[in-house]
Amino acid sequence: MTNMNTAEFLQAVDHAASMNDRWLFLAAFSLLLLVCGVVIYWLVQQLQTVIADHKALRDGHHAVLTQIIEKQNETAMKLAVCIDHNTAALNDCAFELRRFQEGK
């Protein structure tokens, strides 16, 4: 049936038109299923693209957040050392102040 001439094609169309509505419904339903399948396939592809983009962005944000937390930990350690040094200096100042007041 690949080499149909115009007359044979028109005869096939006329034959299909003379069939009852059941065949027309089945043909339309098959076409609808095919179109729905193509649309669902396209939507799934779009969803997979969005999921991949979201994962890449999430990984990037996670890396940046890790860097921020490391910086905060470093700063907290520096602050703890600074507070420790200040406490020692204040103890020395208090000792010197008591010694100075006792000498008066």
Protein backbone atom coordinates (compact mmCIF):
# COMPACT_ATOMS: atom_id res chain seq x y z
CA MET A 1 0.00 0.00 0.00
CA THR A 2 2.97 2.33 -0.16
CA ASN A 3 2.54 3.03 -3.87
CA MET A 4 -1.06 4.22 -3.96
CA ASN A 5 -2.21 6.40 -6.78
CA THR A 6 -4.78 9.14 -6.36
CA ALA A 7 -7.75 7.01 -7.37
CA GLU A 8 -6.91 4.26 -4.89
CA PHE A 9 -6.40 6.84 -2.14
CA LEU A 10 -9.78 8.45 -2.85
CA GLN A 11 -11.40 5.03 -2.92
CA ALA A 12 -9.86 4.24 0.53
CA VAL A 13 -11.09 7.57 1.90
CA ASP A 14 -14.57 6.95 0.48
CA HIS A 15 -14.59 3.50 2.05
CA ALA A 16 -13.55 4.95 5.45
CA ALA A 17 -16.25 7.60 5.15
CA SER A 18 -18.92 5.01 4.45
CA MET A 19 -18.05 3.07 7.64
CA ASN A 20 -20.15 3.68 10.73
CA ASP A 21 -19.25 6.14 13.49
CA ARG A 22 -17.61 3.51 15.66
CA TRP A 23 -14.51 3.47 13.45
CA LEU A 24 -14.41 7.25 13.36
CA PHE A 25 -14.58 7.32 17.17
CA LEU A 26 -11.79 4.74 17.43
CA ALA A 27 -9.61 6.70 15.01
CA ALA A 28 -10.23 9.98 16.87
CA PHE A 29 -9.63 8.29 20.22
CA SER A 30 -6.36 6.77 18.96
CA LEU A 31 -5.26 10.17 17.71
CA LEU A 32 -6.17 11.73 21.06
CA LEU A 33 -4.16 9.06 22.91
CA LEU A 34 -1.18 9.69 20.66
CA VAL A 35 -1.33 13.47 21.22
CA CYS A 36 -1.73 13.00 24.99
CA GLY A 37 1.23 10.64 25.03
CA VAL A 38 3.40 13.19 23.21
CA VAL A 39 2.31 15.99 25.58
CA ILE A 40 2.96 13.84 28.66
CA TYR A 41 6.39 12.87 27.32
CA TRP A 42 7.22 16.56 26.74
CA LEU A 43 6.03 17.50 30.23
CA VAL A 44 8.13 14.74 31.80
CA GLN A 45 11.18 15.99 29.90
CA GLN A 46 10.54 19.53 31.14
CA LEU A 47 10.11 18.28 34.70
CA GLN A 48 13.39 16.37 34.53
CA THR A 49 15.13 19.52 33.28
CA VAL A 50 13.68 21.57 36.15
CA ILE A 51 14.72 18.91 38.68
CA ALA A 52 18.27 18.83 37.29
CA ASP A 53 18.50 22.64 37.42
CA HIS A 54 17.16 22.65 40.98
CA LYS A 55 19.72 20.05 42.04
CA ALA A 56 22.57 22.06 40.51
CA LEU A 57 21.39 25.25 42.25
CA ARG A 58 20.94 23.38 45.54
CA ASP A 59 24.47 22.00 45.33
CA GLY A 60 25.81 25.50 44.62
CA HIS A 61 23.93 26.97 47.57
CA HIS A 62 25.14 24.14 49.78
CA ALA A 63 28.76 24.85 48.83
CA VAL A 64 28.36 28.57 49.56
CA LEU A 65 26.62 27.84 52.86
CA THR A 66 29.47 25.53 53.84
CA GLN A 67 31.96 28.33 53.17
CA ILE A 68 29.90 30.77 55.25
CA ILE A 69 29.74 28.32 58.16
CA GLU A 70 33.50 27.75 57.99
CA LYS A 71 34.09 31.53 58.09
CA GLN A 72 31.75 31.86 61.07
CA ASN A 73 33.56 29.06 62.90
CA GLU A 74 36.92 30.75 62.25
CA THR A 75 35.56 34.07 63.47
CA ALA A 76 34.08 32.42 66.59
CA MET A 77 37.46 30.85 67.38
CA LYS A 78 39.22 34.21 66.95
CA LEU A 79 36.62 35.84 69.19
CA ALA A 80 37.07 33.15 71.86
CA VAL A 81 40.86 33.66 71.81
CA CYS A 82 40.38 37.44 72.00
CA ILE A 83 37.99 37.09 74.97
CA ASP A 84 40.46 34.76 76.68
CA HIS A 85 43.30 37.26 76.20
CA ASN A 86 41.11 40.13 77.40
CA THR A 87 40.13 38.16 80.51
CA ALA A 88 43.78 37.53 81.31
CA ALA A 89 44.60 41.22 80.73
CA LEU A 90 41.71 42.33 82.98
CA ASN A 91 42.90 39.97 85.73
CA ASP A 92 46.37 41.51 85.47
CA CYS A 93 44.87 45.01 85.56
CA ALA A 94 42.76 44.11 88.61
CA PHE A 95 45.82 42.70 90.35
CA GLU A 96 47.84 45.84 89.58
CA LEU A 97 44.95 48.07 90.67
CA ARG A 98 44.67 46.25 94.03
CA ARG A 99 48.43 46.48 94.52
CA PHE A 100 48.36 50.20 93.68
CA GLN A 101 45.45 50.83 96.08
CA GLU A 102 47.16 48.89 98.88
CA GLY A 103 50.30 50.96 98.42
CA LYS A 104 48.41 54.20 99.03
